[in-house]
C-alpha atoms as a PDB file:
ATOM      1  CA  MET A   1      66.271 166.289 102.754  1.00  0.00           C
ATOM      2  CA  THR A   2      69.997 166.484 102.113  1.00  0.00           C
ATOM      3  CA  LYS A   3      72.085 163.822 100.419  1.00  0.00           C
ATOM      4  CA  LYS A   4      73.906 163.251 103.714  1.00  0.00           C
ATOM      5  CA  THR A   5      70.632 162.511 105.506  1.00  0.00           C
ATOM      6  CA  ILE A   6      69.495 160.148 102.759  1.00  0.00           C
ATOM      7  CA  LEU A   7      72.832 158.332 102.940  1.00  0.00           C
ATOM      8  CA  MET A   8      72.535 157.958 106.721  1.00  0.00           C
ATOM      9  CA  ILE A   9      68.996 156.567 106.402  1.00  0.00           C
ATOM     10  CA  PHE A  10      70.196 154.101 103.779  1.00  0.00           C
ATOM     11  CA  ILE A  11      73.083 152.924 105.962  1.00  0.00           C
ATOM     12  CA  VAL A  12      70.802 152.458 108.973  1.00  0.00           C
ATOM     13  CA  ALA A  13      68.321 150.485 106.860  1.00  0.00           C
ATOM     14  CA  VAL A  14      71.069 148.189 105.542  1.00  0.00           C
ATOM     15  CA  LEU A  15      72.427 147.586 109.049  1.00  0.00           C
ATOM     16  CA  ALA A  16      68.929 146.826 110.360  1.00  0.00           C
ATOM     17  CA  ALA A  17      68.275 144.348 107.556  1.00  0.00           C
ATOM     18  CA  GLY A  18      71.631 142.681 108.185  1.00  0.00           C
ATOM     19  CA  ALA A  19      70.925 142.380 111.905  1.00  0.00           C
ATOM     20  CA  ALA A  20      67.504 140.846 111.199  1.00  0.00           C
ATOM     21  CA  LEU A  21      69.067 138.301 108.837  1.00  0.00           C
ATOM     22  CA  VAL A  22      71.714 137.322 111.383  1.00  0.00           C
ATOM     23  CA  PHE A  23      69.027 136.946 114.061  1.00  0.00           C
ATOM     24  CA  CYS A  24      66.904 134.692 111.846  1.00  0.00           C
ATOM     25  CA  VAL A  25      69.864 132.480 110.935  1.00  0.00           C
ATOM     26  CA  TRP A  26      70.961 132.235 114.565  1.00  0.00           C
ATOM     27  CA  THR A  27      67.431 131.378 115.719  1.00  0.00           C
ATOM     28  CA  ALA A  28      67.144 128.589 113.121  1.00  0.00           C
ATOM     29  CA  TYR A  29      70.553 127.260 114.157  1.00  0.00           C
ATOM     30  CA  ARG A  30      69.564 127.257 117.835  1.00  0.00           C
ATOM     31  CA  GLN A  31      66.323 125.397 117.101  1.00  0.00           C
ATOM     32  CA  GLU A  32      67.991 122.743 114.982  1.00  0.00           C
ATOM     33  CA  ASN A  33      71.012 122.209 117.210  1.00  0.00           C
ATOM     34  CA  ASN A  34      69.345 122.878 120.563  1.00  0.00           C
ATOM     35  CA  VAL A  35      71.850 125.523 121.630  1.00  0.00           C
ATOM     36  CA  GLY A  36      71.045 126.267 125.248  1.00  0.00           C
ATOM     37  CA  GLY A  37      68.004 123.969 125.074  1.00  0.00           C
ATOM     38  CA  LYS A  38      66.646 121.394 127.503  1.00  0.00           C
ATOM     39  CA  ASN A  39      64.756 118.157 126.923  1.00  0.00           C
ATOM     40  CA  ASN A  40      63.334 116.896 130.213  1.00  0.00           C
ATOM     41  CA  GLY A  41      66.663 115.689 131.543  1.00  0.00           C
ATOM     42  CA  LEU A  42      67.658 113.758 128.401  1.00  0.00           C
ATOM     43  CA  ALA A  43      71.179 114.093 127.053  1.00  0.00           C
ATOM     44  CA  VAL A  44      70.933 116.446 124.072  1.00  0.00           C
ATOM     45  CA  THR A  45      73.662 116.694 121.485  1.00  0.00           C
ATOM     46  CA  THR A  46      74.786 120.063 120.135  1.00  0.00           C
ATOM     47  CA  THR A  47      74.433 118.812 116.555  1.00  0.00           C
ATOM     48  CA  VAL A  48      71.741 116.600 115.051  1.00  0.00           C
ATOM     49  CA  HIS A  49      73.417 113.780 113.115  1.00  0.00           C
ATOM     50  CA  ASP A  50      70.776 111.046 112.984  1.00  0.00           C
ATOM     51  CA  PHE A  51      67.290 109.929 113.991  1.00  0.00           C
ATOM     52  CA  VAL A  52      68.138 109.460 117.678  1.00  0.00           C
ATOM     53  CA  ASP A  53      69.616 112.970 117.929  1.00  0.00           C
ATOM     54  CA  CYS A  54      66.459 114.312 116.283  1.00  0.00           C
ATOM     55  CA  LEU A  55      64.300 112.226 118.636  1.00  0.00           C
ATOM     56  CA  LYS A  56      65.981 113.878 121.639  1.00  0.00           C
ATOM     57  CA  ASP A  57      65.741 117.376 120.169  1.00  0.00           C
ATOM     58  CA  PRO A  58      62.775 119.381 121.577  1.00  0.00           C
ATOM     59  CA  SER A  59      61.963 120.722 118.119  1.00  0.00           C
ATOM     60  CA  GLY A  60      61.926 117.281 116.441  1.00  0.00           C
ATOM     61  CA  VAL A  61      58.574 115.951 115.186  1.00  0.00           C
ATOM     62  CA  VAL A  62      58.399 112.145 114.989  1.00  0.00           C
ATOM     63  CA  SER A  63      55.992 110.022 112.955  1.00  0.00           C
ATOM     64  CA  GLU A  64      54.346 106.950 114.509  1.00  0.00           C
ATOM     65  CA  TYR A  65      55.902 103.478 114.359  1.00  0.00           C
ATOM     66  CA  GLN A  66      53.868 100.940 112.383  1.00  0.00           C
ATOM     67  CA  PRO A  67      54.788  97.492 113.746  1.00  0.00           C
ATOM     68  CA  ASP A  68      52.117  95.515 111.894  1.00  0.00           C
ATOM     69  CA  SER A  69      53.128  96.390 108.355  1.00  0.00           C
ATOM     70  CA  PRO A  70      53.741  93.448 105.967  1.00  0.00           C
ATOM     71  CA  SER A  71      57.471  94.219 105.942  1.00  0.00           C
ATOM     72  CA  GLY A  72      57.742  93.792 109.712  1.00  0.00           C
ATOM     73  CA  GLY A  73      57.629  97.415 110.788  1.00  0.00           C
ATOM     74  CA  LEU A  74      58.074 100.731 109.007  1.00  0.00           C
ATOM     75  CA  PRO A  75      60.798 103.053 110.327  1.00  0.00           C
ATOM     76  CA  ARG A  76      59.713 106.315 111.908  1.00  0.00           C
ATOM     77  CA  LYS A  77      60.817 109.654 110.519  1.00  0.00           C
ATOM     78  CA  CYS A  78      61.905 112.707 112.487  1.00  0.00           C
ATOM     79  CA  PHE A  79      61.588 116.211 111.069  1.00  0.00           C
ATOM     80  CA  LEU A  80      63.310 119.431 112.169  1.00  0.00           C
ATOM     81  CA  PRO A  81      61.941 122.950 111.609  1.00  0.00           C
ATOM     82  CA  SER A  82      64.693 123.499 109.030  1.00  0.00           C
ATOM     83  CA  GLY A  83      63.149 120.785 106.849  1.00  0.00           C
ATOM     84  CA  ARG A  84      65.823 118.154 107.522  1.00  0.00           C
ATOM     85  CA  MET A  85      64.518 114.595 107.887  1.00  0.00           C
ATOM     86  CA  PHE A  86      66.059 111.547 109.570  1.00  0.00           C
ATOM     87  CA  ILE A  87      64.918 107.931 109.174  1.00  0.00           C
ATOM     88  CA  GLU A  88      64.985 105.497 112.085  1.00  0.00           C
ATOM     89  CA  ASP A  89      67.433 102.579 112.230  1.00  0.00           C
ATOM     90  CA  LEU A  90      65.424  99.423 112.949  1.00  0.00           C
ATOM     91  CA  GLY A  91      68.417  97.125 113.319  1.00  0.00           C
ATOM     92  CA  ASN A  92      67.602  93.890 111.485  1.00  0.00           C
ATOM     93  CA  THR A  93      64.026  93.646 112.793  1.00  0.00           C
ATOM     94  CA  LYS A  94      62.547  93.659 109.291  1.00  0.00           C
ATOM     95  CA  GLU A  95      64.784  90.796 108.152  1.00  0.00           C
ATOM     96  CA  LYS A  96      63.947  88.738 111.252  1.00  0.00           C
ATOM     97  CA  ALA A  97      60.232  89.580 111.401  1.00  0.00           C
ATOM     98  CA  GLY A  98      59.229  85.995 110.612  1.00  0.00           C
ATOM     99  CA  PHE A  99      61.577  84.517 113.218  1.00  0.00           C
ATOM    100  CA  VAL A 100      61.244  86.673 116.347  1.00  0.00           C
ATOM    101  CA  HIS A 101      58.448  89.097 117.215  1.00  0.00           C
ATOM    102  CA  LEU A 102      58.575  91.299 120.337  1.00  0.00           C
ATOM    103  CA  THR A 103      55.226  92.191 121.899  1.00  0.00           C
ATOM    104  CA  ASN A 104      56.264  94.933 124.338  1.00  0.00           C
ATOM    105  CA  LEU A 105      59.305  96.588 122.753  1.00  0.00           C
ATOM    106  CA  MET A 106      59.860  98.576 119.594  1.00  0.00           C
ATOM    107  CA  PRO A 107      63.110  99.843 118.055  1.00  0.00           C
ATOM    108  CA  ASN A 108      64.744 102.792 119.848  1.00  0.00           C
ATOM    109  CA  GLN A 109      62.451 102.533 122.856  1.00  0.00           C
ATOM    110  CA  TRP A 110      63.649 104.017 126.161  1.00  0.00           C
ATOM    111  CA  ILE A 111      64.364 101.230 128.670  1.00  0.00           C
ATOM    112  CA  LYS A 112      65.431 100.952 132.303  1.00  0.00           C
ATOM    113  CA  SER A 113      66.253  98.187 134.773  1.00  0.00           C
ATOM    114  CA  PRO A 114      64.672  95.769 135.481  1.00  0.00           C
ATOM    115  CA  LEU A 115      63.544  95.115 131.923  1.00  0.00           C
ATOM    116  CA  VAL A 116      60.903  92.475 131.185  1.00  0.00           C
ATOM    117  CA  ILE A 117      60.645  91.402 127.555  1.00  0.00           C
ATOM    118  CA  THR A 118      57.891  89.313 126.050  1.00  0.00           C
ATOM    119  CA  GLY A 119      57.542  88.017 122.526  1.00  0.00           C
ATOM    120  CA  GLU A 120      57.237  85.074 120.182  1.00  0.00           C
ATOM    121  CA  ALA A 121      59.792  83.099 118.175  1.00  0.00           C
ATOM    122  CA  ILE A 122      59.833  80.132 115.832  1.00  0.00           C
ATOM    123  CA  SER A 123      60.498  76.782 117.519  1.00  0.00           C
ATOM    124  CA  CYS A 124      63.929  76.307 115.910  1.00  0.00           C
ATOM    125  CA  TRP A 125      65.136  79.489 117.695  1.00  0.00           C
ATOM    126  CA  PHE A 126      64.909  77.532 120.980  1.00  0.00           C
ATOM    127  CA  PHE A 127      66.853  74.604 122.365  1.00  0.00           C
ATOM    128  CA  GLU A 128      65.473  72.891 125.447  1.00  0.00           C
ATOM    129  CA  ALA A 129      62.790  75.629 125.613  1.00  0.00           C
ATOM    130  CA  SER A 130      65.181  78.611 125.794  1.00  0.00           C
ATOM    131  CA  PHE A 131      67.586  80.875 123.925  1.00  0.00           C
ATOM    132  CA  PRO A 132      70.158  83.500 125.056  1.00  0.00           C
ATOM    133  CA  VAL A 133      69.557  87.252 125.184  1.00  0.00           C
ATOM    134  CA  GLU A 134      72.168  90.000 125.659  1.00  0.00           C
ATOM    135  CA  LEU A 135      72.004  93.727 126.365  1.00  0.00           C
ATOM    136  CA  VAL A 136      74.996  95.623 124.989  1.00  0.00           C
ATOM    137  CA  ALA A 137      75.908  99.315 125.235  1.00  0.00           C
ATOM    138  CA  ALA A 138      76.967 101.266 122.142  1.00  0.00           C
ATOM    139  CA  ASP A 139      80.615 101.060 123.262  1.00  0.00           C
ATOM    140  CA  GLY A 140      80.470  97.235 123.246  1.00  0.00           C
ATOM    141  CA  GLN A 141      80.097  96.742 126.998  1.00  0.00           C
ATOM    142  CA  VAL A 142      77.889  93.742 127.807  1.00  0.00           C
ATOM    143  CA  LEU A 143      75.460  95.009 130.453  1.00  0.00           C
ATOM    144  CA  ALA A 144      73.352  91.905 130.984  1.00  0.00           C
ATOM    145  CA  LYS A 145      72.849  88.333 129.837  1.00  0.00           C
ATOM    146  CA  GLY A 146      69.667  86.376 130.257  1.00  0.00           C
ATOM    147  CA  THR A 147      67.721  83.392 129.009  1.00  0.00           C
ATOM    148  CA  ALA A 148      64.424  83.684 127.207  1.00  0.00           C
ATOM    149  CA  GLN A 149      62.146  80.902 128.457  1.00  0.00           C
ATOM    150  CA  ALA A 150      59.335  79.418 126.394  1.00  0.00           C
ATOM    151  CA  LEU A 151      55.899  79.863 127.954  1.00  0.00           C
ATOM    152  CA  GLU A 152      54.372  76.978 125.985  1.00  0.00           C
ATOM    153  CA  ASP A 153      55.401  73.884 124.062  1.00  0.00           C
ATOM    154  CA  TRP A 154      58.569  75.002 122.278  1.00  0.00           C
ATOM    155  CA  MET A 155      58.517  72.071 119.855  1.00  0.00           C
ATOM    156  CA  LYS A 156      55.111  72.751 118.363  1.00  0.00           C
ATOM    157  CA  ALA A 157      55.050  72.296 114.605  1.00  0.00           C
ATOM    158  CA  GLU A 158      53.129  75.442 113.653  1.00  0.00           C
ATOM    159  CA  GLY A 159      53.043  79.036 114.773  1.00  0.00           C
ATOM    160  CA  LEU A 160      55.317  81.042 117.051  1.00  0.00           C
ATOM    161  CA  VAL A 161      56.237  80.116 120.616  1.00  0.00           C
ATOM    162  CA  LYS A 162      55.636  82.706 123.335  1.00  0.00           C
ATOM    163  CA  PHE A 163      58.613  83.594 125.559  1.00  0.00           C
ATOM    164  CA  ARG A 164      59.618  85.867 128.428  1.00  0.00           C
ATOM    165  CA  VAL A 165      62.955  87.153 129.747  1.00  0.00           C
ATOM    166  CA  GLN A 166      63.938  89.642 132.451  1.00  0.00           C
ATOM    167  CA  LEU A 167      67.215  91.599 132.502  1.00  0.00           C
ATOM    168  CA  ALA A 168      68.733  93.666 135.311  1.00  0.00           C
ATOM    169  CA  PHE A 169      71.535  96.097 134.498  1.00  0.00           C
ATOM    170  CA  ASP A 170      73.367  99.255 135.519  1.00  0.00           C
ATOM    171  CA  ARG A 171      72.818 102.234 133.265  1.00  0.00           C
ATOM    172  CA  PRO A 172      75.906 102.891 131.089  1.00  0.00           C
ATOM    173  CA  LYS A 173      77.378 106.314 130.290  1.00  0.00           C
ATOM    174  CA  THR A 174      76.024 106.171 126.747  1.00  0.00           C
ATOM    175  CA  ASP A 175      72.290 106.435 126.057  1.00  0.00           C
ATOM    176  CA  ARG A 176      72.394 104.009 123.119  1.00  0.00           C
ATOM    177  CA  GLY A 177      72.550 100.238 123.075  1.00  0.00           C
ATOM    178  CA  GLU A 178      71.318  97.034 121.507  1.00  0.00           C
ATOM    179  CA  LEU A 179      69.328  93.987 122.552  1.00  0.00           C
ATOM    180  CA  ILE A 180      70.519  90.776 120.914  1.00  0.00           C
ATOM    181  CA  PHE A 181      68.201  87.759 120.755  1.00  0.00           C
ATOM    182  CA  ARG A 182      70.431  84.878 119.718  1.00  0.00           C
ATOM    183  CA  LYS A 183      69.208  81.669 118.175  1.00  0.00           C
ATOM    184  CA  ASP A 184      70.313  78.845 120.474  1.00  0.00           C
ATOM    185  CA  ASN A 185      72.966  76.872 118.622  1.00  0.00           C
ATOM    186  CA  PRO A 186      73.992  73.709 120.483  1.00  0.00           C
ATOM    187  CA  SER A 187      75.994  72.542 117.462  1.00  0.00           C
ATOM    188  CA  GLY A 188      78.414  75.456 117.775  1.00  0.00           C
ATOM    189  CA  LEU A 189      78.610  75.656 113.981  1.00  0.00           C
ATOM    190  CA  PRO A 190      78.839  79.250 112.673  1.00  0.00           C
ATOM    191  CA  GLU A 191      76.456  78.498 109.818  1.00  0.00           C
ATOM    192  CA  ASN A 192      73.721  77.815 112.383  1.00  0.00           C
ATOM    193  CA  ASP A 193      74.150  81.139 114.172  1.00  0.00           C
ATOM    194  CA  ASP A 194      71.435  83.771 113.874  1.00  0.00           C
ATOM    195  CA  ALA A 195      70.267  86.771 115.887  1.00  0.00           C
ATOM    196  CA  LEU A 196      67.723  89.555 116.076  1.00  0.00           C
ATOM    197  CA  ARG A 197      69.356  92.916 116.882  1.00  0.00           C
ATOM    198  CA  LEU A 198      67.131  95.641 118.288  1.00  0.00           C
ATOM    199  CA  PRO A 199      68.496  99.177 118.860  1.00  0.00           C
ATOM    200  CA  ILE A 200      67.354 100.662 122.193  1.00  0.00           C
ATOM    201  CA  LEU A 201      67.868 103.811 124.295  1.00  0.00           C
ATOM    202  CA  PHE A 202      68.680 103.942 128.000  1.00  0.00           C
ATOM    203  CA  SER A 203      66.377 106.137 130.036  1.00  0.00           C
ATOM    204  CA  PRO A 204      68.115 108.914 132.015  1.00  0.00           C
ATOM    205  CA  ALA A 205      68.907 108.123 135.638  1.00  0.00           C
ATOM    206  CA  GLY A 206      65.852 108.586 137.829  1.00  0.00           C
ATOM    207  CA  LYS A 207      63.420 108.504 134.891  1.00  0.00           C
END
């Protein structure tokens, strides 16, 4: 075998190895950033920045939500094939766990109209057996306002008071939003204001 032949074989081998490396890198990039991917009609971003992006990515693997933990709910984690991990934003649900508890919604749940919400809240969250609830899109647009009504004696001394509220809304352009459960404050004093803020996701049209 001549030196020229050996050199040609070496060059071909180097080019083949380089092509394989480029292919592997490109494949990993496509998986992580969903280049050309689909996710059952959900809006998919070209780059994964946070937990919600990872949640929408077909390659993302999400851990289960644990709502009954002593801290008021442990955030889920989403993992990509590349090894990157994103932790869920729970809003202030952990801080308000002893004040308002939702029985049919969890953070970052997909919702659509009409939305029925049930839960429990401490009696001082109510005034005249109700408190206000708002649905707001990520861009600040207020999509719906409603009133949570107590389903039992709202002035009971112990335990939480069951409530129910229904909201109807038009789906916004963004797929992210927030539900705000405001403590009723007839005094109007800022120091008496309080609210539970729950991040949510808007289901795609027709889903």
